């Protein structure tokens, strides 16, 4: 593992020797635009619709079995 780390650090040292003075800062290798859609609030599911396929519900919430891990002692 040490050999791999040494080779990575050697490569990073070689990169630090490059003249990048006139290189524009980028976040992607290729030009990218419009990656994300506009953040527009939309109505969510109603409580009834969200619980429609639930195996069990109670009081407007999903009902799940009680799970206890380990032994009481």
PDB file of N, CA and C in Angstrom:
ATOM      1  N   UNK A   1       0.824  -1.184   0.000  1.00  0.00           N
ATOM      2  CA  UNK A   1       0.000   0.000   0.000  1.00  0.00           C
ATOM      3  C   UNK A   1       0.878   1.261   0.000  1.00  0.00           C
ATOM      4  N   UNK A   2       1.979   1.187   0.720  1.00  0.00           N
ATOM      5  CA  UNK A   2       2.873   2.344   0.795  1.00  0.00           C
ATOM      6  C   UNK A   2       3.426   2.713  -0.577  1.00  0.00           C
ATOM      7  N   UNK A   3       3.724   1.688  -1.382  1.00  0.00           N
ATOM      8  CA  UNK A   3       4.235   1.931  -2.730  1.00  0.00           C
ATOM      9  C   UNK A   3       3.226   2.678  -3.587  1.00  0.00           C
ATOM     10  N   UNK A   4       1.965   2.302  -3.457  1.00  0.00           N
ATOM     11  CA  UNK A   4       0.911   2.997  -4.204  1.00  0.00           C
ATOM     12  C   UNK A   4       0.805   4.455  -3.756  1.00  0.00           C
ATOM     13  N   UNK A   5       0.833   4.668  -2.460  1.00  0.00           N
ATOM     14  CA  UNK A   5       0.740   6.033  -1.941  1.00  0.00           C
ATOM     15  C   UNK A   5       1.939   6.864  -2.387  1.00  0.00           C
ATOM     16  N   UNK A   6       3.128   6.271  -2.356  1.00  0.00           N
ATOM     17  CA  UNK A   6       4.326   6.991  -2.812  1.00  0.00           C
ATOM     18  C   UNK A   6       4.198   7.401  -4.275  1.00  0.00           C
ATOM     19  N   UNK A   7       3.659   6.504  -5.106  1.00  0.00           N
ATOM     20  CA  UNK A   7       3.528   6.842  -6.527  1.00  0.00           C
ATOM     21  C   UNK A   7       2.475   7.936  -6.732  1.00  0.00           C
ATOM     22  N   UNK A   8       1.436   7.940  -5.938  1.00  0.00           N
ATOM     23  CA  UNK A   8       0.426   8.995  -6.034  1.00  0.00           C
ATOM     24  C   UNK A   8       1.030  10.330  -5.629  1.00  0.00           C
ATOM     25  N   UNK A   9       1.773  10.347  -4.546  1.00  0.00           N
ATOM     26  CA  UNK A   9       2.404  11.586  -4.077  1.00  0.00           C
ATOM     27  C   UNK A   9       3.458  12.082  -5.065  1.00  0.00           C
ATOM     28  N   UNK A  10       4.207  11.160  -5.680  1.00  0.00           N
ATOM     29  CA  UNK A  10       5.182  11.549  -6.700  1.00  0.00           C
ATOM     30  C   UNK A  10       4.480  12.198  -7.889  1.00  0.00           C
ATOM     31  N   UNK A  11       3.359  11.642  -8.300  1.00  0.00           N
ATOM     32  CA  UNK A  11       2.612  12.198  -9.416  1.00  0.00           C
ATOM     33  C   UNK A  11       2.063  13.586  -9.059  1.00  0.00           C
ATOM     34  N   UNK A  12       1.550  13.743  -7.844  1.00  0.00           N
ATOM     35  CA  UNK A  12       1.045  15.047  -7.397  1.00  0.00           C
ATOM     36  C   UNK A  12       2.182  16.068  -7.393  1.00  0.00           C
ATOM     37  N   UNK A  13       3.366  15.655  -7.020  1.00  0.00           N
ATOM     38  CA  UNK A  13       4.518  16.556  -7.018  1.00  0.00           C
ATOM     39  C   UNK A  13       4.858  16.983  -8.451  1.00  0.00           C
ATOM     40  N   UNK A  14       4.776  16.048  -9.404  1.00  0.00           N
ATOM     41  CA  UNK A  14       5.016  16.393 -10.804  1.00  0.00           C
ATOM     42  C   UNK A  14       3.989  17.412 -11.289  1.00  0.00           C
ATOM     43  N   UNK A  15       2.739  17.237 -10.891  1.00  0.00           N
ATOM     44  CA  UNK A  15       1.691  18.169 -11.303  1.00  0.00           C
ATOM     45  C   UNK A  15       1.924  19.562 -10.733  1.00  0.00           C
ATOM     46  N   UNK A  16       2.465  19.640  -9.525  1.00  0.00           N
ATOM     47  CA  UNK A  16       2.694  20.950  -8.916  1.00  0.00           C
ATOM     48  C   UNK A  16       3.790  21.736  -9.647  1.00  0.00           C
ATOM     49  N   UNK A  17       4.592  21.046 -10.457  1.00  0.00           N
ATOM     50  CA  UNK A  17       5.650  21.712 -11.209  1.00  0.00           C
ATOM     51  C   UNK A  17       5.139  22.335 -12.512  1.00  0.00           C
ATOM     52  N   UNK A  18       3.903  22.036 -12.903  1.00  0.00           N
ATOM     53  CA  UNK A  18       3.352  22.574 -14.147  1.00  0.00           C
ATOM     54  C   UNK A  18       3.022  24.052 -13.997  1.00  0.00           C
ATOM     55  N   UNK A  19       3.223  24.801 -15.085  1.00  0.00           N
ATOM     56  CA  UNK A  19       2.871  26.217 -15.094  1.00  0.00           C
ATOM     57  C   UNK A  19       1.399  26.337 -15.489  1.00  0.00           C
ATOM     58  N   UNK A  20       0.559  26.686 -14.538  1.00  0.00           N
ATOM     59  CA  UNK A  20      -0.877  26.816 -14.791  1.00  0.00           C
ATOM     60  C   UNK A  20      -1.347  28.263 -14.675  1.00  0.00           C
ATOM     61  N   UNK A  21      -0.421  29.190 -14.791  1.00  0.00           N
ATOM     62  CA  UNK A  21      -0.730  30.614 -14.633  1.00  0.00           C
ATOM     63  C   UNK A  21      -1.827  31.087 -15.585  1.00  0.00           C
ATOM     64  N   UNK A  22      -1.782  30.670 -16.843  1.00  0.00           N
ATOM     65  CA  UNK A  22      -2.747  31.149 -17.836  1.00  0.00           C
ATOM     66  C   UNK A  22      -3.894  30.162 -18.080  1.00  0.00           C
ATOM     67  N   UNK A  23      -4.068  29.182 -17.200  1.00  0.00           N
ATOM     68  CA  UNK A  23      -5.129  28.196 -17.365  1.00  0.00           C
ATOM     69  C   UNK A  23      -6.348  28.649 -16.570  1.00  0.00           C
ATOM     70  N   UNK A  24      -7.495  28.739 -17.258  1.00  0.00           N
ATOM     71  CA  UNK A  24      -8.726  29.169 -16.611  1.00  0.00           C
ATOM     72  C   UNK A  24      -9.226  28.080 -15.650  1.00  0.00           C
ATOM     73  N   UNK A  25      -9.696  28.504 -14.505  1.00  0.00           N
ATOM     74  CA  UNK A  25     -10.213  27.571 -13.510  1.00  0.00           C
ATOM     75  C   UNK A  25     -11.500  26.946 -14.037  1.00  0.00           C
ATOM     76  N   UNK A  26     -11.615  25.621 -13.921  1.00  0.00           N
ATOM     77  CA  UNK A  26     -12.812  24.922 -14.385  1.00  0.00           C
ATOM     78  C   UNK A  26     -13.281  23.935 -13.328  1.00  0.00           C
ATOM     79  N   UNK A  27     -14.553  23.543 -13.440  1.00  0.00           N
ATOM     80  CA  UNK A  27     -15.071  22.497 -12.564  1.00  0.00           C
ATOM     81  C   UNK A  27     -15.334  21.215 -13.333  1.00  0.00           C
ATOM     82  N   UNK A  28     -15.348  21.315 -14.688  1.00  0.00           N
ATOM     83  CA  UNK A  28     -15.557  20.157 -15.542  1.00  0.00           C
ATOM     84  C   UNK A  28     -14.530  20.185 -16.668  1.00  0.00           C
ATOM     85  N   UNK A  29     -14.210  19.014 -17.171  1.00  0.00           N
ATOM     86  CA  UNK A  29     -13.240  18.910 -18.256  1.00  0.00           C
ATOM     87  C   UNK A  29     -13.823  19.460 -19.553  1.00  0.00           C
ATOM     88  N   UNK A  30     -15.101  19.208 -19.773  1.00  0.00           N
ATOM     89  CA  UNK A  30     -15.770  19.700 -20.977  1.00  0.00           C
ATOM     90  C   UNK A  30     -16.807  20.743 -20.574  1.00  0.00           C
ATOM     91  N   UNK A  31     -17.137  21.667 -21.477  1.00  0.00           N
ATOM     92  CA  UNK A  31     -18.144  22.681 -21.139  1.00  0.00           C
ATOM     93  C   UNK A  31     -19.496  22.029 -20.835  1.00  0.00           C
ATOM     94  N   UNK A  32     -20.108  22.425 -19.743  1.00  0.00           N
ATOM     95  CA  UNK A  32     -21.393  21.878 -19.339  1.00  0.00           C
ATOM     96  C   UNK A  32     -22.305  23.030 -18.968  1.00  0.00           C
ATOM     97  N   UNK A  33     -23.542  22.961 -19.443  1.00  0.00           N
ATOM     98  CA  UNK A  33     -24.501  23.997 -19.063  1.00  0.00           C
ATOM     99  C   UNK A  33     -25.854  23.356 -18.803  1.00  0.00           C
ATOM    100  N   UNK A  34     -26.664  24.017 -18.017  1.00  0.00           N
ATOM    101  CA  UNK A  34     -28.035  23.590 -17.715  1.00  0.00           C
ATOM    102  C   UNK A  34     -28.093  22.169 -17.154  1.00  0.00           C
ATOM    103  N   UNK A  35     -27.250  21.872 -16.185  1.00  0.00           N
ATOM    104  CA  UNK A  35     -27.275  20.540 -15.583  1.00  0.00           C
ATOM    105  C   UNK A  35     -28.505  20.333 -14.708  1.00  0.00           C
ATOM    106  N   UNK A  36     -28.961  21.385 -14.055  1.00  0.00           N
ATOM    107  CA  UNK A  36     -30.043  21.249 -13.104  1.00  0.00           C
ATOM    108  C   UNK A  36     -31.279  21.993 -13.580  1.00  0.00           C
ATOM    109  N   UNK A  37     -32.416  21.453 -13.256  1.00  0.00           N
ATOM    110  CA  UNK A  37     -33.659  22.149 -13.570  1.00  0.00           C
ATOM    111  C   UNK A  37     -33.871  23.252 -12.545  1.00  0.00           C
ATOM    112  N   UNK A  38     -34.758  24.180 -12.865  1.00  0.00           N
ATOM    113  CA  UNK A  38     -35.089  25.236 -11.922  1.00  0.00           C
ATOM    114  C   UNK A  38     -35.724  24.628 -10.675  1.00  0.00           C
ATOM    115  N   UNK A  39     -35.420  25.182  -9.533  1.00  0.00           N
ATOM    116  CA  UNK A  39     -35.954  24.701  -8.270  1.00  0.00           C
ATOM    117  C   UNK A  39     -37.307  25.368  -8.033  1.00  0.00           C
ATOM    118  N   UNK A  40     -38.353  24.690  -8.461  1.00  0.00           N
ATOM    119  CA  UNK A  40     -39.703  25.234  -8.358  1.00  0.00           C
ATOM    120  C   UNK A  40     -40.498  24.364  -7.387  1.00  0.00           C
ATOM    121  N   UNK A  41     -41.057  24.983  -6.360  1.00  0.00           N
ATOM    122  CA  UNK A  41     -41.848  24.249  -5.380  1.00  0.00           C
ATOM    123  C   UNK A  41     -43.095  23.692  -6.041  1.00  0.00           C
ATOM    124  N   UNK A  42     -43.397  22.435  -5.756  1.00  0.00           N
ATOM    125  CA  UNK A  42     -44.586  21.784  -6.278  1.00  0.00           C
ATOM    126  C   UNK A  42     -45.285  21.073  -5.128  1.00  0.00           C
ATOM    127  N   UNK A  43     -46.583  20.926  -5.230  1.00  0.00           N
ATOM    128  CA  UNK A  43     -47.289  20.250  -4.138  1.00  0.00           C
ATOM    129  C   UNK A  43     -46.852  18.800  -4.030  1.00  0.00           C
ATOM    130  N   UNK A  44     -46.788  18.308  -2.811  1.00  0.00           N
ATOM    131  CA  UNK A  44     -46.415  16.920  -2.571  1.00  0.00           C
ATOM    132  C   UNK A  44     -47.645  16.036  -2.518  1.00  0.00           C
ATOM    133  N   UNK A  45     -47.450  14.809  -2.117  1.00  0.00           N
ATOM    134  CA  UNK A  45     -48.553  13.866  -1.991  1.00  0.00           C
ATOM    135  C   UNK A  45     -49.427  14.228  -0.802  1.00  0.00           C
ATOM    136  N   UNK A  46     -50.697  13.967  -0.935  1.00  0.00           N
ATOM    137  CA  UNK A  46     -51.572  14.107   0.231  1.00  0.00           C
ATOM    138  C   UNK A  46     -51.260  12.960   1.181  1.00  0.00           C
ATOM    139  N   UNK A  47     -51.627  13.115   2.435  1.00  0.00           N
ATOM    140  CA  UNK A  47     -51.369  12.076   3.420  1.00  0.00           C
ATOM    141  C   UNK A  47     -52.091  10.786   3.038  1.00  0.00           C
ATOM    142  N   UNK A  48     -53.311  10.912   2.556  1.00  0.00           N
ATOM    143  CA  UNK A  48     -54.084   9.728   2.172  1.00  0.00           C
ATOM    144  C   UNK A  48     -53.416   8.991   1.010  1.00  0.00           C
ATOM    145  N   UNK A  49     -52.941   9.738   0.016  1.00  0.00           N
ATOM    146  CA  UNK A  49     -52.297   9.129  -1.138  1.00  0.00           C
ATOM    147  C   UNK A  49     -50.963   8.478  -0.746  1.00  0.00           C
ATOM    148  N   UNK A  50     -50.228   9.112   0.146  1.00  0.00           N
ATOM    149  CA  UNK A  50     -48.948   8.546   0.592  1.00  0.00           C
ATOM    150  C   UNK A  50     -49.162   7.231   1.332  1.00  0.00           C
ATOM    151  N   UNK A  51     -50.242   7.112   2.074  1.00  0.00           N
ATOM    152  CA  UNK A  51     -50.509   5.910   2.871  1.00  0.00           C
ATOM    153  C   UNK A  51     -51.330   4.862   2.117  1.00  0.00           C
ATOM    154  N   UNK A  52     -51.706   5.166   0.878  1.00  0.00           N
ATOM    155  CA  UNK A  52     -52.594   4.311   0.114  1.00  0.00           C
ATOM    156  C   UNK A  52     -52.095   2.868   0.002  1.00  0.00           C
ATOM    157  N   UNK A  53     -50.809   2.662  -0.221  1.00  0.00           N
ATOM    158  CA  UNK A  53     -50.263   1.308  -0.388  1.00  0.00           C
ATOM    159  C   UNK A  53     -49.526   0.798   0.845  1.00  0.00           C
ATOM    160  N   UNK A  54     -49.649   1.512   1.949  1.00  0.00           N
ATOM    161  CA  UNK A  54     -48.980   1.073   3.177  1.00  0.00           C
ATOM    162  C   UNK A  54     -49.637  -0.205   3.683  1.00  0.00           C
ATOM    163  N   UNK A  55     -48.847  -1.186   4.127  1.00  0.00           N
ATOM    164  CA  UNK A  55     -49.441  -2.402   4.673  1.00  0.00           C
ATOM    165  C   UNK A  55     -50.273  -2.115   5.924  1.00  0.00           C
ATOM    166  N   UNK A  56     -49.851  -1.099   6.692  1.00  0.00           N
ATOM    167  CA  UNK A  56     -50.595  -0.732   7.900  1.00  0.00           C
ATOM    168  C   UNK A  56     -50.349   0.740   8.194  1.00  0.00           C
ATOM    169  N   UNK A  57     -51.392   1.397   8.672  1.00  0.00           N
ATOM    170  CA  UNK A  57     -51.244   2.795   9.071  1.00  0.00           C
ATOM    171  C   UNK A  57     -52.131   3.041  10.283  1.00  0.00           C
ATOM    172  N   UNK A  58     -51.746   4.065  11.023  1.00  0.00           N
ATOM    173  CA  UNK A  58     -52.519   4.418  12.207  1.00  0.00           C
ATOM    174  C   UNK A  58     -52.350   5.901  12.479  1.00  0.00           C
ATOM    175  N   UNK A  59     -53.437   6.593  12.657  1.00  0.00           N
ATOM    176  CA  UNK A  59     -53.379   8.015  12.978  1.00  0.00           C
ATOM    177  C   UNK A  59     -52.700   8.849  11.896  1.00  0.00           C
ATOM    178  N   UNK A  60     -52.827   8.458  10.638  1.00  0.00           N
ATOM    179  CA  UNK A  60     -52.241   9.224   9.547  1.00  0.00           C
ATOM    180  C   UNK A  60     -50.751   9.006   9.366  1.00  0.00           C
ATOM    181  N   UNK A  61     -50.209   7.920   9.928  1.00  0.00           N
ATOM    182  CA  UNK A  61     -48.777   7.626   9.815  1.00  0.00           C
ATOM    183  C   UNK A  61     -48.585   6.156   9.455  1.00  0.00           C
ATOM    184  N   UNK A  62     -47.417   5.831   8.895  1.00  0.00           N
ATOM    185  CA  UNK A  62     -47.084   4.436   8.631  1.00  0.00           C
ATOM    186  C   UNK A  62     -46.968   3.704   9.960  1.00  0.00           C
ATOM    187  N   UNK A  63     -47.517   2.509  10.020  1.00  0.00           N
ATOM    188  CA  UNK A  63     -47.389   1.688  11.218  1.00  0.00           C
ATOM    189  C   UNK A  63     -46.386   0.587  10.906  1.00  0.00           C
ATOM    190  N   UNK A  64     -45.356   0.486  11.730  1.00  0.00           N
ATOM    191  CA  UNK A  64     -44.315  -0.522  11.521  1.00  0.00           C
ATOM    192  C   UNK A  64     -44.190  -1.367  12.776  1.00  0.00           C
ATOM    193  N   UNK A  65     -43.721  -2.612  12.618  1.00  0.00           N
ATOM    194  CA  UNK A  65     -43.568  -3.461  13.800  1.00  0.00           C
ATOM    195  C   UNK A  65     -42.446  -2.955  14.701  1.00  0.00           C
ATOM    196  N   UNK A  66     -42.618  -3.146  15.980  1.00  0.00           N
ATOM    197  CA  UNK A  66     -41.602  -2.759  16.951  1.00  0.00           C
ATOM    198  C   UNK A  66     -40.410  -3.701  16.813  1.00  0.00           C
ATOM    199  N   UNK A  67     -39.211  -3.136  16.739  1.00  0.00           N
ATOM    200  CA  UNK A  67     -37.995  -3.924  16.604  1.00  0.00           C
ATOM    201  C   UNK A  67     -37.090  -3.606  17.783  1.00  0.00           C
ATOM    202  N   UNK A  68     -36.718  -4.640  18.516  1.00  0.00           N
ATOM    203  CA  UNK A  68     -35.800  -4.477  19.643  1.00  0.00           C
ATOM    204  C   UNK A  68     -34.607  -5.359  19.380  1.00  0.00           C
ATOM    205  N   UNK A  69     -33.421  -4.748  19.335  1.00  0.00           N
ATOM    206  CA  UNK A  69     -32.202  -5.481  19.064  1.00  0.00           C
ATOM    207  C   UNK A  69     -31.461  -5.744  20.366  1.00  0.00           C
ATOM    208  N   UNK A  70     -31.034  -6.949  20.581  1.00  0.00           N
ATOM    209  CA  UNK A  70     -30.270  -7.271  21.784  1.00  0.00           C
ATOM    210  C   UNK A  70     -31.159  -7.837  22.865  1.00  0.00           C
ATOM    211  N   UNK A  71     -30.509  -8.228  23.952  1.00  0.00           N
ATOM    212  CA  UNK A  71     -31.234  -8.831  25.072  1.00  0.00           C
ATOM    213  C   UNK A  71     -31.282  -7.851  26.227  1.00  0.00           C
ATOM    214  N   UNK A  72     -32.376  -7.859  26.937  1.00  0.00           N
ATOM    215  CA  UNK A  72     -32.485  -7.028  28.136  1.00  0.00           C
ATOM    216  C   UNK A  72     -31.636  -7.663  29.220  1.00  0.00           C
ATOM    217  N   UNK A  73     -30.989  -6.855  29.989  1.00  0.00           N
ATOM    218  CA  UNK A  73     -30.134  -7.514  30.974  1.00  0.00           C
ATOM    219  C   UNK A  73     -29.937  -6.682  32.123  1.00  0.00           C
TER     220      UNK A  73
END
